[in-house]
């Protein structure tokens, strides 16, 4: 089992949800986040002093079984940014030690 956490531009959330649905990933948690990023003033000119600023992000948290890891990551990466978009996103994949479905008491992969 893996725990996928992704940070994407908020306006890409609907596209990512659709892409995840297409690979049969329907359970996820979404929350608002802010990412501290470094942007050079006036573009990426060499030697320019960087400006640090907070940018709004949507944070996605998804627990998946092994077979769904790559389809989940690919769907988020593909739909997370529009063509020509220079904003950044991140995807982190972590080991998930256990999961418990509270309603049924199921544990492990069956709980996902």
Foldseek 3Di string as FASTA:
>chain_A
DKKKKKKFAPVLVVQLCVLCVVLPFHDKDKDKDWDWDWAFPPHDDPPGDIDIDIDIIIMIIGDADPVCPVSNVVSCVVRRDDPPDPDDMDMDMGDDPKDAQVVPRDMDNVND
